[in-house]
Amino acid sequence: MRSNPTDRREIELLRTSDVLEQTGITHQVLYRYVTLGLIEPAKTTQTGQRYFHPRVLIVIDLIKSLTEGRRYTLREIKEIFFKDKRVRKILSRT
């Protein structure tokens, strides 16, 4: 989304379709991550279009790694890794 070229944060945001394409997850999986609070949109337009910060790609890769082979459920991931404010702070800086 490029409404103001001088606003770097605006330029860096990824559309939902970009996130899906780059991570290989489905829209349904992305929605589940959002509703569980594992990720959150950086911006939602009045029409409901969601935009994500690029760091969400790293978080999604982490979640995918942790769920491979049924090592952790999404709820366990939320409890273990995202409940702690220090972890959320670190993830928000990546």
Protein backbone atom coordinates (compact mmCIF):
# COMPACT_ATOMS: atom_id res chain seq x y z
CA MET A 1 0.00 0.00 0.00
CA ARG A 2 1.64 3.24 -1.10
CA SER A 3 -0.43 6.21 -0.12
CA ASN A 4 2.54 8.27 1.04
CA PRO A 5 6.00 7.41 -0.33
CA THR A 6 7.77 9.03 2.63
CA ASP A 7 6.02 6.79 5.16
CA ARG A 8 8.34 3.74 5.26
CA ARG A 9 6.03 1.83 7.54
CA GLU A 10 3.22 2.16 5.01
CA ILE A 11 5.47 0.97 2.17
CA GLU A 12 6.66 -2.10 4.05
CA LEU A 13 3.24 -3.53 4.81
CA LEU A 14 2.26 -6.75 3.10
CA ARG A 15 -1.20 -7.54 1.80
CA THR A 16 -2.86 -10.73 2.99
CA SER A 17 -2.28 -12.29 -0.43
CA ASP A 18 1.45 -11.49 -0.16
CA VAL A 19 1.66 -13.19 3.24
CA LEU A 20 -0.17 -16.26 1.94
CA GLU A 21 2.04 -16.49 -1.13
CA GLN A 22 5.32 -16.05 0.75
CA THR A 23 4.50 -18.45 3.59
CA GLY A 24 2.53 -21.10 1.73
CA ILE A 25 -0.28 -21.14 4.28
CA THR A 26 -3.95 -20.92 3.46
CA HIS A 27 -6.29 -18.03 4.21
CA GLN A 28 -8.01 -20.24 6.78
CA VAL A 29 -4.71 -20.91 8.60
CA LEU A 30 -3.85 -17.21 8.58
CA TYR A 31 -7.27 -16.39 10.01
CA ARG A 32 -6.72 -18.98 12.75
CA TYR A 33 -3.35 -17.45 13.66
CA VAL A 34 -4.97 -14.02 13.86
CA THR A 35 -7.96 -15.17 15.94
CA LEU A 36 -5.69 -17.02 18.37
CA GLY A 37 -3.57 -13.90 18.77
CA LEU A 38 -0.39 -15.45 17.36
CA ILE A 39 -0.13 -12.68 14.77
CA GLU A 40 -1.97 -9.45 14.21
CA PRO A 41 -2.47 -7.14 11.28
CA ALA A 42 -0.53 -3.89 11.34
CA LYS A 43 -3.46 -2.18 9.66
CA THR A 44 -7.03 -3.00 8.64
CA THR A 45 -8.80 -0.77 6.15
CA GLN A 46 -12.42 0.30 6.37
CA THR A 47 -13.25 -2.36 3.79
CA GLY A 48 -11.64 -5.05 5.93
CA GLN A 49 -8.43 -5.53 3.93
CA ARG A 50 -5.61 -6.51 6.28
CA TYR A 51 -2.00 -5.46 5.95
CA PHE A 52 0.85 -7.10 7.87
CA HIS A 53 4.32 -6.02 8.88
CA PRO A 54 7.01 -8.12 7.12
CA ARG A 55 8.12 -9.59 10.47
CA VAL A 56 4.91 -11.64 10.44
CA LEU A 57 6.66 -13.87 7.88
CA ILE A 58 9.28 -14.80 10.49
CA VAL A 59 6.63 -15.48 13.12
CA ILE A 60 4.63 -17.66 10.73
CA ASP A 61 7.76 -19.65 9.84
CA LEU A 62 8.40 -20.14 13.57
CA ILE A 63 4.83 -21.32 14.13
CA LYS A 64 5.05 -23.69 11.16
CA SER A 65 8.31 -25.14 12.51
CA LEU A 66 6.82 -25.68 15.95
CA THR A 67 3.72 -27.41 14.62
CA GLU A 68 5.56 -29.74 12.22
CA GLY A 69 5.23 -33.34 13.29
CA ARG A 70 2.60 -32.31 15.82
CA ARG A 71 5.27 -31.20 18.28
CA TYR A 72 3.08 -28.36 19.54
CA THR A 73 -0.52 -27.34 19.04
CA LEU A 74 -1.34 -23.72 18.25
CA ARG A 75 -2.78 -23.29 21.73
CA GLU A 76 0.42 -24.65 23.28
CA ILE A 77 2.47 -22.29 21.14
CA LYS A 78 0.38 -19.38 22.33
CA GLU A 79 0.72 -20.43 25.97
CA ILE A 80 4.43 -21.17 25.85
CA PHE A 81 5.82 -18.61 23.44
CA PHE A 82 3.38 -15.74 23.16
CA LYS A 83 2.03 -15.36 26.67
CA ASP A 84 5.31 -13.93 27.90
CA LYS A 85 5.50 -10.19 27.18
CA ARG A 86 9.27 -10.43 26.74
CA VAL A 87 8.89 -12.93 23.91
CA ARG A 88 6.23 -10.81 22.19
CA LYS A 89 8.53 -7.80 22.48
CA ILE A 90 11.42 -9.69 20.87
CA LEU A 91 9.20 -10.96 18.06
CA SER A 92 7.87 -7.48 17.39
CA ARG A 93 11.41 -6.21 16.82
CA THR A 94 12.41 -8.83 14.24
